[in-house]
Amino acid sequence: MHLKTSFSPEELKRYSRHLALPGFDEEVQLKLKNAKVTVVGSGGLGSPVLLYLAAAGVGKLQVIDDDIVSVSNLQRQVLFTEDDVGKSKTERACLKLKNLNFNLHCVASSVRIQRANAFELLIDTDIVVDCTDNFPTRYLVNDACILLNKPLIYGSVFRYEGQVSVFNYKEGPNYRDLYPLPPAPGSVSDCEQGGVLGALTGIIGSIMASEVIKVLTGIGQPLTGRLLIFDSASSETTIIAVPDQNQRQKIKNLIDYDEYCGLTKTTKTMKEVTVQELKKMIDSKVDFQFIDVREPHEYDICNLGAELIPQGDIPGSVEKISKDKQVVIHCRSGARSGNMVQWLEKNHGFTNLYNLKGGILAWAKEIDTSMPTY
């Protein structure tokens, strides 16, 4: 990107409230105009991050996300509307951001960031913003930023709590200094299962955008070496120190992050049935037990008539699960039910469990297209 050295009269008017700030002159605003920022994830956190960075005058934004917009996203992903449902998040995001600021150059990378493409996606950027929602991708993005020497703005949300920090800035601590090892598979609920307050993503995402601006402009004190924790239920903010445990020295190359987080080994041997196979079983009146491990409010939206035992109730309901016939367990996408299959096999010796591949989403897409989804 060719470096800009001045502003048009329209741009000066647009950024006048920045330019009125003490120490925030045209030279500082030019740092934003000439900056290249990559945002990984355009969902609950990515939406406010992208909106505020585009509005602030960041010259180039790359959005990395392979997902499409769903109705359940709209509760917190304020970048999208009902007209966007079923469409590419990155493409719709860039369209909206360009409408917000026509000076912006927006790159829609509608791919999943992986070990094979991480360097290519991140090498031509000044700063990376982690707005992802899973541990393998967080470790991947962190390690790639270490190897490429890119500052990383980290944020996460769950239920009523959010976290923000700045990693790998001026050789400060990184994500592995905060979380040296990933949690055991299934031990930490995701937002789909545990929920998240929609407004919280706006609060945390806005703080993340502010940290990006501080790093790019040199104004203020970034959250390097510090983790900000915000509890929206009590409106309490806590800042704790993140000690530098020299974890960066262990990062020599990118690895298999699914395997590192304990996801690959178990899923390779887990038995599954497809939605087509399930339909044949139902139509043929095969004698099997069918269990739905979603939450009651999800079951009310749509269900396949399975017995409802929410994931959190499984440990206390093991005796309800048959060991004498085939048991098919399902959830929305197959992730939670897969975790439950693995947990039951490991801890209670089940050998007759099958995960429904793709969950109820696959059923709605491939079997009953009239079924409402979320």
Protein backbone atom coordinates (compact mmCIF):
# COMPACT_ATOMS: atom_id res chain seq x y z
CA MET A 1 0.00 0.00 0.00
CA HIS A 2 1.45 3.36 -1.06
CA LEU A 3 2.05 5.59 1.96
CA LYS A 4 -0.22 8.64 2.21
CA THR A 5 1.30 11.93 3.34
CA SER A 6 -1.71 14.24 3.57
CA PHE A 7 -5.49 14.44 3.97
CA SER A 8 -8.18 15.82 1.72
CA PRO A 9 -10.47 18.54 3.14
CA GLU A 10 -13.24 15.94 3.48
CA GLU A 11 -10.95 13.66 5.49
CA LEU A 12 -9.92 16.51 7.79
CA LYS A 13 -13.59 17.15 8.47
CA ARG A 14 -14.27 13.45 8.99
CA TYR A 15 -11.50 13.02 11.56
CA SER A 16 -11.87 16.44 13.20
CA ARG A 17 -12.84 14.98 16.59
CA HIS A 18 -9.63 12.96 16.61
CA LEU A 19 -7.60 15.98 15.58
CA ALA A 20 -9.11 17.98 18.47
CA LEU A 21 -7.63 15.54 20.98
CA PRO A 22 -4.46 16.60 22.84
CA GLY A 23 -1.48 15.10 21.03
CA PHE A 24 -3.61 13.62 18.23
CA ASP A 25 -2.51 15.72 15.25
CA GLU A 26 -2.50 15.02 11.51
CA GLU A 27 0.77 13.11 11.77
CA VAL A 28 -0.83 10.72 14.25
CA GLN A 29 -3.95 10.32 12.11
CA LEU A 30 -1.69 9.53 9.15
CA LYS A 31 -0.36 6.54 11.09
CA LEU A 32 -3.89 5.13 11.05
CA LYS A 33 -4.38 5.97 7.39
CA ASN A 34 -1.19 4.11 6.44
CA ALA A 35 -1.83 1.16 8.74
CA LYS A 36 -2.73 -2.40 7.71
CA VAL A 37 -4.74 -4.34 10.29
CA THR A 38 -5.86 -7.96 10.06
CA VAL A 39 -8.92 -9.02 12.06
CA VAL A 40 -9.36 -12.78 12.49
CA GLY A 41 -13.07 -13.40 13.03
CA SER A 42 -15.92 -11.04 12.12
CA GLY A 43 -18.47 -12.14 14.73
CA GLY A 44 -19.40 -10.72 18.12
CA LEU A 45 -15.98 -9.18 18.80
CA GLY A 46 -14.99 -8.66 15.20
CA SER A 47 -18.07 -6.55 14.46
CA PRO A 48 -17.28 -3.63 16.83
CA VAL A 49 -13.54 -3.93 16.18
CA LEU A 50 -14.04 -3.59 12.43
CA LEU A 51 -16.64 -0.83 12.69
CA TYR A 52 -14.54 1.34 14.97
CA LEU A 53 -11.27 0.79 13.09
CA ALA A 54 -12.93 1.65 9.79
CA ALA A 55 -14.53 4.73 11.33
CA ALA A 56 -11.24 5.75 12.95
CA GLY A 57 -9.52 5.91 9.58
CA VAL A 58 -7.41 2.75 9.40
CA GLY A 59 -6.38 2.59 5.76
CA LYS A 60 -6.48 -1.15 5.13
CA LEU A 61 -8.45 -3.86 6.91
CA GLN A 62 -8.22 -7.56 6.15
CA VAL A 63 -11.12 -9.67 7.47
CA ILE A 64 -10.48 -13.42 7.83
CA ASP A 65 -13.54 -15.62 8.39
CA ASP A 66 -14.94 -18.60 6.47
CA ASP A 67 -18.39 -18.47 8.10
CA ILE A 68 -21.76 -17.28 6.82
CA VAL A 69 -24.24 -15.13 8.70
CA SER A 70 -26.92 -17.01 10.68
CA VAL A 71 -29.95 -15.71 12.55
CA SER A 72 -28.43 -16.54 15.94
CA ASN A 73 -25.50 -14.20 15.12
CA LEU A 74 -27.72 -11.11 15.03
CA GLN A 75 -28.08 -10.91 18.83
CA ARG A 76 -24.49 -9.63 19.09
CA GLN A 77 -22.87 -9.34 15.65
CA VAL A 78 -24.00 -5.77 14.96
CA LEU A 79 -22.19 -5.56 11.64
CA PHE A 80 -24.93 -7.69 10.07
CA THR A 81 -28.69 -7.48 9.48
CA GLU A 82 -31.40 -9.97 8.57
CA ASP A 83 -30.70 -9.31 4.88
CA ASP A 84 -27.22 -10.78 5.37
CA VAL A 85 -28.36 -14.19 6.67
CA GLY A 86 -26.89 -17.01 4.58
CA LYS A 87 -24.22 -14.78 3.02
CA SER A 88 -20.45 -14.63 3.50
CA LYS A 89 -19.50 -12.70 6.62
CA THR A 90 -16.32 -11.24 5.15
CA GLU A 91 -17.94 -10.07 1.94
CA ARG A 92 -20.88 -8.47 3.76
CA ALA A 93 -18.50 -6.97 6.32
CA CYS A 94 -16.35 -5.28 3.68
CA LEU A 95 -19.45 -3.92 1.93
CA LYS A 96 -20.73 -2.38 5.18
CA LEU A 97 -17.33 -1.01 6.15
CA LYS A 98 -16.81 0.62 2.76
CA ASN A 99 -20.20 2.28 3.14
CA LEU A 100 -19.05 3.60 6.52
CA ASN A 101 -15.75 4.98 5.19
CA PHE A 102 -15.14 5.12 1.43
CA ASN A 103 -11.41 5.75 2.03
CA LEU A 104 -11.02 2.23 3.39
CA HIS A 105 -9.36 -0.58 1.46
CA CYS A 106 -11.03 -3.76 2.74
CA VAL A 107 -9.87 -7.29 1.89
CA ALA A 108 -12.36 -10.12 2.40
CA SER A 109 -10.48 -13.37 3.06
CA SER A 110 -13.30 -15.92 3.19
CA VAL A 111 -11.08 -18.77 4.35
CA ARG A 112 -10.33 -20.56 7.59
CA ILE A 113 -6.93 -19.57 8.90
CA GLN A 114 -4.79 -22.70 9.21
CA ARG A 115 -1.18 -23.73 9.57
CA ALA A 116 -0.84 -23.93 5.76
CA ASN A 117 -2.01 -20.36 5.06
CA ALA A 118 -1.34 -18.43 8.30
CA PHE A 119 1.95 -16.86 7.22
CA GLU A 120 0.56 -15.84 3.85
CA LEU A 121 -2.51 -14.24 5.46
CA LEU A 122 -0.65 -12.41 8.23
CA ILE A 123 2.74 -11.45 6.82
CA ASP A 124 1.61 -8.24 5.08
CA THR A 125 0.00 -6.54 8.08
CA ASP A 126 1.07 -4.24 10.90
CA ILE A 127 -1.07 -5.69 13.66
CA VAL A 128 -3.34 -8.72 14.16
CA VAL A 129 -6.59 -8.75 16.14
CA ASP A 130 -7.77 -12.10 17.52
CA CYS A 131 -11.58 -12.16 17.55
CA THR A 132 -11.84 -15.94 17.35
CA ASP A 133 -13.82 -18.30 19.58
CA ASN A 134 -11.79 -21.51 19.79
CA PHE A 135 -8.49 -22.55 21.35
CA PRO A 136 -6.75 -24.12 18.31
CA THR A 137 -7.12 -20.90 16.32
CA ARG A 138 -6.02 -18.73 19.24
CA TYR A 139 -2.79 -20.72 19.67
CA LEU A 140 -2.23 -20.73 15.90
CA VAL A 141 -2.67 -16.96 15.56
CA ASN A 142 -0.49 -16.32 18.61
CA ASP A 143 2.35 -18.53 17.37
CA ALA A 144 2.19 -17.08 13.85
CA CYS A 145 2.41 -13.56 15.31
CA ILE A 146 5.45 -14.55 17.37
CA LEU A 147 7.22 -16.03 14.34
CA LEU A 148 6.30 -13.02 12.18
CA ASN A 149 6.93 -10.52 15.00
CA LYS A 150 3.45 -8.99 14.78
CA PRO A 151 1.67 -7.37 17.75
CA LEU A 152 -1.52 -9.25 18.68
CA ILE A 153 -4.63 -7.77 20.27
CA TYR A 154 -6.49 -10.51 22.14
CA GLY A 155 -10.09 -10.54 23.33
CA SER A 156 -12.56 -13.17 24.50
CA VAL A 157 -16.07 -13.26 25.94
CA PHE A 158 -18.12 -15.85 27.78
CA ARG A 159 -21.48 -15.35 29.43
CA TYR A 160 -21.10 -12.05 31.35
CA GLU A 161 -17.30 -11.75 31.37
CA GLY A 162 -14.79 -10.49 28.84
CA GLN A 163 -11.00 -10.23 28.62
CA VAL A 164 -8.59 -8.03 26.64
CA SER A 165 -4.81 -7.95 26.42
CA VAL A 166 -2.01 -6.93 24.04
CA PHE A 167 0.45 -9.70 23.22
CA ASN A 168 3.84 -9.81 21.52
CA TYR A 169 4.18 -6.03 21.62
CA LYS A 170 7.80 -4.88 21.93
CA GLU A 171 8.68 -8.47 22.89
CA GLY A 172 6.20 -8.43 25.75
CA PRO A 173 4.27 -11.49 26.97
CA ASN A 174 2.18 -13.55 24.57
CA TYR A 175 -0.93 -15.72 24.83
CA ARG A 176 1.11 -18.75 25.92
CA ASP A 177 2.45 -16.80 28.90
CA LEU A 178 -1.15 -16.40 30.05
CA TYR A 179 -2.32 -19.89 29.02
CA PRO A 180 0.73 -22.18 28.61
CA LEU A 181 -1.48 -25.22 27.95
CA PRO A 182 -4.93 -25.55 26.39
CA PRO A 183 -7.83 -26.80 28.54
CA ALA A 184 -8.94 -30.41 28.26
CA PRO A 185 -11.40 -30.97 25.38
CA GLY A 186 -14.98 -30.32 26.50
CA SER A 187 -13.95 -28.80 29.84
CA VAL A 188 -14.69 -25.24 28.71
CA SER A 189 -18.10 -24.43 27.25
CA ASP A 190 -18.36 -22.33 24.11
CA CYS A 191 -20.73 -19.39 23.63
CA GLU A 192 -23.21 -21.62 21.81
CA GLN A 193 -23.59 -23.75 24.90
CA GLY A 194 -22.93 -21.26 27.71
CA GLY A 195 -24.31 -18.12 26.09
CA VAL A 196 -22.92 -14.60 25.94
CA LEU A 197 -24.45 -11.20 26.68
CA GLY A 198 -24.70 -9.45 23.33
CA ALA A 199 -23.82 -5.99 24.66
CA LEU A 200 -20.68 -7.41 26.29
CA THR A 201 -19.17 -8.17 22.88
CA GLY A 202 -19.63 -4.50 21.99
CA ILE A 203 -17.84 -3.39 25.17
CA ILE A 204 -14.92 -5.79 24.78
CA GLY A 205 -14.66 -5.25 21.04
CA SER A 206 -14.53 -1.47 21.52
CA ILE A 207 -11.71 -1.84 24.07
CA MET A 208 -9.86 -4.05 21.58
CA ALA A 209 -10.25 -1.39 18.87
CA SER A 210 -8.91 1.21 21.31
CA GLU A 211 -5.86 -0.98 21.97
CA VAL A 212 -5.22 -1.27 18.23
CA ILE A 213 -5.32 2.51 17.89
CA LYS A 214 -2.95 2.96 20.85
CA VAL A 215 -0.41 0.54 19.41
CA LEU A 216 -0.59 2.08 15.93
CA THR A 217 -0.37 5.70 17.05
CA GLY A 218 1.87 5.40 20.11
CA ILE A 219 -0.65 7.34 22.19
CA GLY A 220 -1.56 5.98 25.61
CA GLN A 221 -0.41 2.84 27.42
CA PRO A 222 -1.39 -0.43 25.69
CA LEU A 223 -2.41 -3.46 27.78
CA THR A 224 0.88 -5.22 27.21
CA GLY A 225 1.80 -7.40 30.17
CA ARG A 226 -1.67 -6.83 31.59
CA LEU A 227 -5.01 -8.61 31.25
CA LEU A 228 -8.18 -6.56 31.61
CA ILE A 229 -11.17 -8.54 32.91
CA PHE A 230 -14.62 -6.97 32.74
CA ASP A 231 -17.63 -8.45 34.54
CA SER A 232 -20.74 -6.98 32.95
CA ALA A 233 -23.00 -8.47 35.65
CA SER A 234 -21.33 -6.38 38.37
CA SER A 235 -19.75 -3.68 36.17
CA GLU A 236 -16.43 -4.44 37.83
CA THR A 237 -13.12 -4.17 36.00
CA THR A 238 -9.99 -5.98 37.13
CA ILE A 239 -6.50 -5.72 35.66
CA ILE A 240 -3.97 -8.44 36.44
CA ALA A 241 -0.33 -8.77 35.46
CA VAL A 242 0.67 -11.27 32.77
CA PRO A 243 4.18 -12.45 33.65
CA ASP A 244 6.62 -13.05 30.83
CA GLN A 245 7.40 -16.76 31.20
CA ASN A 246 9.60 -16.77 28.10
CA GLN A 247 7.16 -19.02 26.26
CA ARG A 248 8.14 -17.38 22.96
CA GLN A 249 11.42 -19.32 22.98
CA LYS A 250 9.48 -22.57 22.63
CA ILE A 251 7.78 -21.46 19.39
CA LYS A 252 9.96 -22.60 16.50
CA ASN A 253 7.28 -23.41 13.90
CA LEU A 254 3.54 -23.88 13.47
CA ILE A 255 2.12 -27.23 14.57
CA ASP A 256 -1.11 -29.24 14.34
CA TYR A 257 -3.22 -27.13 16.71
CA ASP A 258 -6.24 -29.44 16.72
CA GLU A 259 -3.98 -32.23 17.93
CA TYR A 260 -2.26 -29.87 20.40
CA CYS A 261 -5.65 -29.00 21.92
CA GLY A 262 -6.61 -32.67 22.12
CA LEU A 263 -9.20 -32.62 19.35
CA THR A 264 -7.69 -34.76 16.60
CA LYS A 265 -6.81 -37.96 18.44
CA THR A 266 -10.32 -38.56 19.79
CA THR A 267 -12.30 -37.48 16.77
CA LYS A 268 -10.44 -39.90 14.47
CA THR A 269 -11.76 -42.93 16.33
CA MET A 270 -15.19 -41.59 17.30
CA LYS A 271 -18.08 -43.43 15.66
CA GLU A 272 -20.51 -41.26 13.74
CA VAL A 273 -23.68 -41.54 11.68
CA THR A 274 -24.66 -39.15 8.91
CA VAL A 275 -28.06 -37.49 8.75
CA GLN A 276 -28.93 -39.75 5.81
CA GLU A 277 -28.13 -42.83 7.89
CA LEU A 278 -30.15 -41.45 10.78
CA LYS A 279 -33.17 -40.90 8.53
CA LYS A 280 -32.99 -44.53 7.35
CA MET A 281 -32.84 -45.68 10.96
CA ILE A 282 -35.91 -43.62 11.85
CA ASP A 283 -37.86 -44.67 8.72
CA SER A 284 -36.98 -48.34 9.32
CA LYS A 285 -38.03 -48.05 12.97
CA VAL A 286 -34.65 -49.31 14.19
CA ASP A 287 -34.56 -49.75 17.96
CA PHE A 288 -32.00 -47.17 19.12
CA GLN A 289 -31.76 -44.46 21.75
CA PHE A 290 -31.68 -40.90 20.45
CA ILE A 291 -30.33 -38.15 22.74
CA ASP A 292 -30.20 -34.36 22.25
CA VAL A 293 -27.56 -32.65 24.45
CA ARG A 294 -28.52 -29.06 23.61
CA GLU A 295 -30.18 -26.64 26.04
CA PRO A 296 -33.99 -26.51 26.52
CA HIS A 297 -34.32 -23.14 24.74
CA GLU A 298 -32.53 -24.62 21.70
CA TYR A 299 -34.81 -27.65 21.76
CA ASP A 300 -37.84 -25.33 21.68
CA ILE A 301 -36.55 -23.67 18.48
CA CYS A 302 -36.23 -26.95 16.59
CA ASN A 303 -35.77 -30.60 17.45
CA LEU A 304 -35.74 -34.09 15.97
CA GLY A 305 -37.85 -35.65 18.69
CA ALA A 306 -34.84 -36.98 20.59
CA GLU A 307 -34.71 -37.34 24.37
CA LEU A 308 -33.40 -34.07 25.81
CA ILE A 309 -30.48 -34.42 28.24
CA PRO A 310 -28.50 -31.13 28.21
CA GLN A 311 -24.74 -31.53 28.15
CA GLY A 312 -24.37 -30.22 31.69
CA ASP A 313 -26.78 -32.88 32.96
CA ILE A 314 -25.01 -35.82 31.29
CA PRO A 315 -22.63 -36.62 34.22
CA GLY A 316 -25.62 -37.02 36.55
CA SER A 317 -27.72 -38.91 34.01
CA VAL A 318 -25.35 -41.66 32.88
CA GLU A 319 -27.77 -44.35 34.08
CA LYS A 320 -30.35 -43.07 31.58
CA ILE A 321 -28.07 -43.94 28.66
CA SER A 322 -28.39 -47.48 27.33
CA LYS A 323 -25.39 -49.79 27.01
CA ASP A 324 -27.44 -52.50 25.33
CA LYS A 325 -28.34 -50.85 22.02
CA GLN A 326 -27.07 -48.23 19.63
CA VAL A 327 -27.19 -44.68 21.02
CA VAL A 328 -27.08 -41.65 18.71
CA ILE A 329 -26.23 -38.35 20.38
CA HIS A 330 -26.67 -35.00 18.66
CA CYS A 331 -26.44 -31.23 19.20
CA ARG A 332 -26.56 -28.20 16.90
CA SER A 333 -23.36 -28.81 14.91
CA GLY A 334 -21.90 -32.06 16.26
CA ALA A 335 -19.27 -30.45 18.51
CA ARG A 336 -20.93 -30.76 21.90
CA SER A 337 -22.35 -34.19 21.18
CA GLY A 338 -18.91 -35.34 19.99
CA ASN A 339 -17.41 -34.16 23.28
CA MET A 340 -20.08 -36.09 25.18
CA VAL A 341 -19.47 -39.27 23.19
CA GLN A 342 -15.77 -39.05 23.98
CA TRP A 343 -16.36 -38.24 27.66
CA LEU A 344 -18.78 -41.13 28.13
CA GLU A 345 -16.48 -43.56 26.37
CA LYS A 346 -13.46 -42.50 28.42
CA ASN A 347 -15.12 -42.24 31.83
CA HIS A 348 -17.90 -44.84 31.69
CA GLY A 349 -16.73 -47.43 29.19
CA PHE A 350 -19.48 -46.97 26.56
CA THR A 351 -18.82 -48.73 23.24
CA ASN A 352 -22.22 -48.21 21.58
CA LEU A 353 -22.30 -44.44 21.14
CA TYR A 354 -22.51 -42.61 17.82
CA ASN A 355 -22.22 -38.88 17.16
CA LEU A 356 -24.59 -37.32 14.60
CA LYS A 357 -22.21 -35.77 12.09
CA GLY A 358 -23.05 -32.12 11.48
CA GLY A 359 -25.83 -32.14 14.05
CA ILE A 360 -29.23 -30.61 13.54
CA LEU A 361 -27.75 -28.07 11.12
CA ALA A 362 -26.86 -30.89 8.72
CA TRP A 363 -30.37 -32.34 9.08
CA ALA A 364 -31.92 -28.96 8.20
CA LYS A 365 -29.59 -28.53 5.24
CA GLU A 366 -29.71 -32.04 3.77
CA ILE A 367 -32.94 -33.68 4.98
CA ASP A 368 -35.58 -31.13 6.02
CA THR A 369 -34.88 -27.75 4.47
CA SER A 370 -38.07 -26.30 5.96
CA MET A 371 -36.80 -26.81 9.52
CA PRO A 372 -36.00 -23.52 11.32
CA THR A 373 -32.38 -23.17 12.44
CA TYR A 374 -30.46 -20.72 14.60
